[in-house]
Amino acid sequence: MTAHLARTRHFDSALDLTIQRVIRAPKESIWSAWTEPDKLAQWWIPAPLTLRIDALELSPGGAFSTMMSEDGETFTPHVDAVFLLVEDNSRLVFTNAVNSSWHPAFPDPVSMTTEIILSDHAEGTDYQAVVRHGSPEQRARHEELGFFDGWGTVTEQLAKSVE
């Protein structure tokens, strides 16, 4: 277990979903793909959708707001969240339970807190996304809506963008 995983909150299989894989690139490249708007827009939504980054304020309490489009012209909300923790090149935590203007939110379809964990691996980086939910029903709904397909697709897109 790495130091980063030791700091991770307890994983509760009744509430949490996770995606984990080794990405054959250094942590710094993955961090850059997550934290630079032009790079994030290239992979963090399943293709062929288009992503627009409206806010990416990388500090605790900072706004994280993105919009998505099917035609590249009409955009609808994708994520309206706030960062809880930012540790350079290792951990990024955000939640959509509070929106980017710090108002309590009731996001559709689910409320979640996401933790991105980057750890050294002999072949590159051990990449893990842990998505926490407030109830087993919210977790089940997220899984039914295609969590593994969606997050799996964008994780693959992330890997292709940095490997």
C-alpha atoms as a PDB file:
ATOM      1  CA  MET A   1       0.000   0.000   0.000  1.00  0.00           C
ATOM      2  CA  THR A   2       1.367   3.407  -0.895  1.00  0.00           C
ATOM      3  CA  ALA A   3       1.204   6.484   1.291  1.00  0.00           C
ATOM      4  CA  HIS A   4      -1.566   7.873  -0.917  1.00  0.00           C
ATOM      5  CA  LEU A   5      -3.780   4.859  -0.485  1.00  0.00           C
ATOM      6  CA  ALA A   6      -3.162   4.927   3.247  1.00  0.00           C
ATOM      7  CA  ARG A   7      -4.609   8.436   3.342  1.00  0.00           C
ATOM      8  CA  THR A   8      -7.619   7.413   1.323  1.00  0.00           C
ATOM      9  CA  ARG A   9     -10.830   7.212   3.227  1.00  0.00           C
ATOM     10  CA  HIS A  10     -12.209   3.770   3.822  1.00  0.00           C
ATOM     11  CA  PHE A  11     -13.608   2.179   0.675  1.00  0.00           C
ATOM     12  CA  ASP A  12     -17.174   1.069   1.313  1.00  0.00           C
ATOM     13  CA  SER A  13     -18.361  -1.338  -1.375  1.00  0.00           C
ATOM     14  CA  ALA A  14     -21.990  -0.571  -0.476  1.00  0.00           C
ATOM     15  CA  LEU A  15     -21.472   3.120  -1.266  1.00  0.00           C
ATOM     16  CA  ASP A  16     -18.454   3.457  -3.524  1.00  0.00           C
ATOM     17  CA  LEU A  17     -17.453   2.618  -7.083  1.00  0.00           C
ATOM     18  CA  THR A  18     -13.909   2.560  -8.388  1.00  0.00           C
ATOM     19  CA  ILE A  19     -11.913   2.348 -11.579  1.00  0.00           C
ATOM     20  CA  GLN A  20      -8.244   1.402 -11.372  1.00  0.00           C
ATOM     21  CA  ARG A  21      -5.604   0.723 -13.993  1.00  0.00           C
ATOM     22  CA  VAL A  22      -1.945   1.174 -14.723  1.00  0.00           C
ATOM     23  CA  ILE A  23      -1.280   3.987 -17.156  1.00  0.00           C
ATOM     24  CA  ARG A  24       2.114   3.793 -18.860  1.00  0.00           C
ATOM     25  CA  ALA A  25       3.028   7.407 -18.220  1.00  0.00           C
ATOM     26  CA  PRO A  26       4.495   9.383 -15.330  1.00  0.00           C
ATOM     27  CA  LYS A  27       2.181  10.844 -12.694  1.00  0.00           C
ATOM     28  CA  GLU A  28       3.078  14.354 -13.862  1.00  0.00           C
ATOM     29  CA  SER A  29       1.621  13.690 -17.324  1.00  0.00           C
ATOM     30  CA  ILE A  30      -1.649  12.404 -15.866  1.00  0.00           C
ATOM     31  CA  TRP A  31      -1.796  15.319 -13.424  1.00  0.00           C
ATOM     32  CA  SER A  32      -1.304  17.707 -16.310  1.00  0.00           C
ATOM     33  CA  ALA A  33      -4.119  16.002 -18.249  1.00  0.00           C
ATOM     34  CA  TRP A  34      -6.425  16.501 -15.254  1.00  0.00           C
ATOM     35  CA  THR A  35      -5.403  20.060 -14.368  1.00  0.00           C
ATOM     36  CA  GLU A  36      -4.815  21.866 -17.666  1.00  0.00           C
ATOM     37  CA  PRO A  37      -8.144  22.884 -19.244  1.00  0.00           C
ATOM     38  CA  ASP A  38      -7.114  22.267 -22.870  1.00  0.00           C
ATOM     39  CA  LYS A  39      -5.884  18.769 -22.016  1.00  0.00           C
ATOM     40  CA  LEU A  40      -8.866  17.897 -19.789  1.00  0.00           C
ATOM     41  CA  ALA A  41     -11.287  18.909 -22.545  1.00  0.00           C
ATOM     42  CA  GLN A  42      -9.686  16.344 -24.854  1.00  0.00           C
ATOM     43  CA  TRP A  43     -10.455  13.226 -22.824  1.00  0.00           C
ATOM     44  CA  TRP A  44     -12.868  13.766 -19.905  1.00  0.00           C
ATOM     45  CA  ILE A  45     -16.088  13.001 -21.720  1.00  0.00           C
ATOM     46  CA  PRO A  46     -16.844  10.039 -23.974  1.00  0.00           C
ATOM     47  CA  ALA A  47     -16.150  10.835 -27.630  1.00  0.00           C
ATOM     48  CA  PRO A  48     -17.687  12.185 -29.817  1.00  0.00           C
ATOM     49  CA  LEU A  49     -19.166  14.578 -27.231  1.00  0.00           C
ATOM     50  CA  THR A  50     -17.424  17.941 -26.815  1.00  0.00           C
ATOM     51  CA  LEU A  51     -16.385  19.263 -23.404  1.00  0.00           C
ATOM     52  CA  ARG A  52     -16.031  22.919 -22.429  1.00  0.00           C
ATOM     53  CA  ILE A  53     -14.209  23.861 -19.207  1.00  0.00           C
ATOM     54  CA  ASP A  54     -15.879  26.880 -17.560  1.00  0.00           C
ATOM     55  CA  ALA A  55     -13.945  26.776 -14.261  1.00  0.00           C
ATOM     56  CA  LEU A  56     -10.953  24.786 -13.031  1.00  0.00           C
ATOM     57  CA  GLU A  57      -9.785  26.525  -9.863  1.00  0.00           C
ATOM     58  CA  LEU A  58      -7.256  24.082  -8.418  1.00  0.00           C
ATOM     59  CA  SER A  59      -7.450  24.767  -4.695  1.00  0.00           C
ATOM     60  CA  PRO A  60      -9.725  23.557  -1.894  1.00  0.00           C
ATOM     61  CA  GLY A  61     -13.026  25.377  -2.377  1.00  0.00           C
ATOM     62  CA  GLY A  62     -12.205  26.159  -5.993  1.00  0.00           C
ATOM     63  CA  ALA A  63     -14.833  25.824  -8.681  1.00  0.00           C
ATOM     64  CA  PHE A  64     -14.916  22.916 -11.123  1.00  0.00           C
ATOM     65  CA  SER A  65     -17.492  23.476 -13.830  1.00  0.00           C
ATOM     66  CA  THR A  66     -17.794  21.826 -17.228  1.00  0.00           C
ATOM     67  CA  MET A  67     -20.376  21.782 -19.995  1.00  0.00           C
ATOM     68  CA  MET A  68     -20.920  19.155 -22.708  1.00  0.00           C
ATOM     69  CA  SER A  69     -22.247  19.253 -26.240  1.00  0.00           C
ATOM     70  CA  GLU A  70     -23.322  16.758 -28.852  1.00  0.00           C
ATOM     71  CA  ASP A  71     -23.020  19.218 -31.751  1.00  0.00           C
ATOM     72  CA  GLY A  72     -20.210  21.482 -30.500  1.00  0.00           C
ATOM     73  CA  GLU A  73     -22.561  24.486 -30.368  1.00  0.00           C
ATOM     74  CA  THR A  74     -25.281  23.835 -27.780  1.00  0.00           C
ATOM     75  CA  PHE A  75     -23.853  23.057 -24.348  1.00  0.00           C
ATOM     76  CA  THR A  76     -25.589  21.539 -21.325  1.00  0.00           C
ATOM     77  CA  PRO A  77     -24.283  21.108 -17.749  1.00  0.00           C
ATOM     78  CA  HIS A  78     -21.850  18.247 -17.224  1.00  0.00           C
ATOM     79  CA  VAL A  79     -20.219  18.897 -13.824  1.00  0.00           C
ATOM     80  CA  ASP A  80     -20.814  21.719 -11.357  1.00  0.00           C
ATOM     81  CA  ALA A  81     -18.607  20.955  -8.370  1.00  0.00           C
ATOM     82  CA  VAL A  82     -16.049  22.223  -5.915  1.00  0.00           C
ATOM     83  CA  PHE A  83     -12.574  20.902  -5.140  1.00  0.00           C
ATOM     84  CA  LEU A  84     -12.053  19.585  -1.620  1.00  0.00           C
ATOM     85  CA  LEU A  85      -8.384  18.611  -1.869  1.00  0.00           C
ATOM     86  CA  VAL A  86      -5.601  19.253  -4.356  1.00  0.00           C
ATOM     87  CA  GLU A  87      -2.216  17.551  -3.821  1.00  0.00           C
ATOM     88  CA  ASP A  88       0.104  18.168  -6.764  1.00  0.00           C
ATOM     89  CA  ASN A  89       0.802  15.094  -8.856  1.00  0.00           C
ATOM     90  CA  SER A  90      -0.895  12.720  -6.419  1.00  0.00           C
ATOM     91  CA  ARG A  91      -4.490  13.408  -5.380  1.00  0.00           C
ATOM     92  CA  LEU A  92      -7.498  15.424  -6.510  1.00  0.00           C
ATOM     93  CA  VAL A  93     -10.854  15.334  -4.699  1.00  0.00           C
ATOM     94  CA  PHE A  94     -14.040  17.099  -5.764  1.00  0.00           C
ATOM     95  CA  THR A  95     -17.753  16.871  -5.028  1.00  0.00           C
ATOM     96  CA  ASN A  96     -20.904  17.912  -6.825  1.00  0.00           C
ATOM     97  CA  ALA A  97     -22.864  17.924  -3.527  1.00  0.00           C
ATOM     98  CA  VAL A  98     -21.847  21.588  -3.359  1.00  0.00           C
ATOM     99  CA  ASN A  99     -21.903  23.518  -6.615  1.00  0.00           C
ATOM    100  CA  SER A 100     -19.196  25.837  -7.921  1.00  0.00           C
ATOM    101  CA  SER A 101     -20.837  28.841  -6.189  1.00  0.00           C
ATOM    102  CA  TRP A 102     -20.820  26.933  -2.865  1.00  0.00           C
ATOM    103  CA  HIS A 103     -24.570  26.391  -2.764  1.00  0.00           C
ATOM    104  CA  PRO A 104     -25.811  22.997  -1.620  1.00  0.00           C
ATOM    105  CA  ALA A 105     -26.679  21.062  -4.735  1.00  0.00           C
ATOM    106  CA  PHE A 106     -29.040  18.288  -5.733  1.00  0.00           C
ATOM    107  CA  PRO A 107     -27.268  17.114  -8.890  1.00  0.00           C
ATOM    108  CA  ASP A 108     -28.980  14.876 -11.352  1.00  0.00           C
ATOM    109  CA  PRO A 109     -28.570  11.946 -11.644  1.00  0.00           C
ATOM    110  CA  VAL A 110     -26.414  11.389  -8.514  1.00  0.00           C
ATOM    111  CA  SER A 111     -24.503  13.268  -5.875  1.00  0.00           C
ATOM    112  CA  MET A 112     -20.921  12.091  -5.485  1.00  0.00           C
ATOM    113  CA  THR A 113     -17.466  12.823  -4.182  1.00  0.00           C
ATOM    114  CA  THR A 114     -14.673  11.758  -6.510  1.00  0.00           C
ATOM    115  CA  GLU A 115     -11.109  11.043  -5.491  1.00  0.00           C
ATOM    116  CA  ILE A 116      -8.418  10.701  -8.147  1.00  0.00           C
ATOM    117  CA  ILE A 117      -5.311   8.964  -6.788  1.00  0.00           C
ATOM    118  CA  LEU A 118      -1.996   8.781  -8.636  1.00  0.00           C
ATOM    119  CA  SER A 119       0.684   6.437  -7.275  1.00  0.00           C
ATOM    120  CA  ASP A 120       4.017   5.310  -8.655  1.00  0.00           C
ATOM    121  CA  HIS A 121       4.029   1.966 -10.460  1.00  0.00           C
ATOM    122  CA  ALA A 122       6.927   0.080 -12.054  1.00  0.00           C
ATOM    123  CA  GLU A 123       5.274   0.510 -15.474  1.00  0.00           C
ATOM    124  CA  GLY A 124       4.078   4.093 -15.012  1.00  0.00           C
ATOM    125  CA  THR A 125       1.286   5.233 -12.740  1.00  0.00           C
ATOM    126  CA  ASP A 126      -1.300   3.377 -10.711  1.00  0.00           C
ATOM    127  CA  TYR A 127      -4.406   5.427 -11.523  1.00  0.00           C
ATOM    128  CA  GLN A 128      -7.493   5.083  -9.345  1.00  0.00           C
ATOM    129  CA  ALA A 129     -10.771   6.970  -9.340  1.00  0.00           C
ATOM    130  CA  VAL A 130     -12.959   6.354  -6.290  1.00  0.00           C
ATOM    131  CA  VAL A 131     -16.490   7.700  -6.574  1.00  0.00           C
ATOM    132  CA  ARG A 132     -18.343   7.904  -3.264  1.00  0.00           C
ATOM    133  CA  HIS A 133     -22.124   8.116  -2.899  1.00  0.00           C
ATOM    134  CA  GLY A 134     -24.391   9.032  -0.007  1.00  0.00           C
ATOM    135  CA  SER A 135     -26.524   5.889  -0.112  1.00  0.00           C
ATOM    136  CA  PRO A 136     -26.538   2.395  -1.593  1.00  0.00           C
ATOM    137  CA  GLU A 137     -29.424   3.543  -3.815  1.00  0.00           C
ATOM    138  CA  GLN A 138     -27.315   6.384  -5.264  1.00  0.00           C
ATOM    139  CA  ARG A 139     -24.425   3.973  -5.865  1.00  0.00           C
ATOM    140  CA  ALA A 140     -26.738   1.470  -7.561  1.00  0.00           C
ATOM    141  CA  ARG A 141     -28.288   4.209  -9.695  1.00  0.00           C
ATOM    142  CA  HIS A 142     -24.840   5.390 -10.809  1.00  0.00           C
ATOM    143  CA  GLU A 143     -23.817   1.838 -11.672  1.00  0.00           C
ATOM    144  CA  GLU A 144     -27.096   1.266 -13.570  1.00  0.00           C
ATOM    145  CA  LEU A 145     -26.510   4.463 -15.534  1.00  0.00           C
ATOM    146  CA  GLY A 146     -23.256   3.006 -16.805  1.00  0.00           C
ATOM    147  CA  PHE A 147     -20.566   4.078 -14.372  1.00  0.00           C
ATOM    148  CA  PHE A 148     -18.130   1.404 -15.520  1.00  0.00           C
ATOM    149  CA  ASP A 149     -18.722   2.066 -19.221  1.00  0.00           C
ATOM    150  CA  GLY A 150     -18.507   5.849 -18.855  1.00  0.00           C
ATOM    151  CA  TRP A 151     -15.624   6.094 -16.420  1.00  0.00           C
ATOM    152  CA  GLY A 152     -13.903   3.197 -18.159  1.00  0.00           C
ATOM    153  CA  THR A 153     -14.172   4.980 -21.501  1.00  0.00           C
ATOM    154  CA  VAL A 154     -12.782   8.270 -20.216  1.00  0.00           C
ATOM    155  CA  THR A 155     -10.001   6.478 -18.328  1.00  0.00           C
ATOM    156  CA  GLU A 156      -9.045   4.759 -21.586  1.00  0.00           C
ATOM    157  CA  GLN A 157      -9.157   8.131 -23.352  1.00  0.00           C
ATOM    158  CA  LEU A 158      -6.956   9.591 -20.593  1.00  0.00           C
ATOM    159  CA  ALA A 159      -4.439   6.755 -21.005  1.00  0.00           C
ATOM    160  CA  LYS A 160      -4.318   7.234 -24.782  1.00  0.00           C
ATOM    161  CA  SER A 161      -3.764  10.968 -24.340  1.00  0.00           C
ATOM    162  CA  VAL A 162      -0.683  10.528 -22.128  1.00  0.00           C
ATOM    163  CA  GLU A 163       0.908   7.185 -23.133  1.00  0.00           C
END
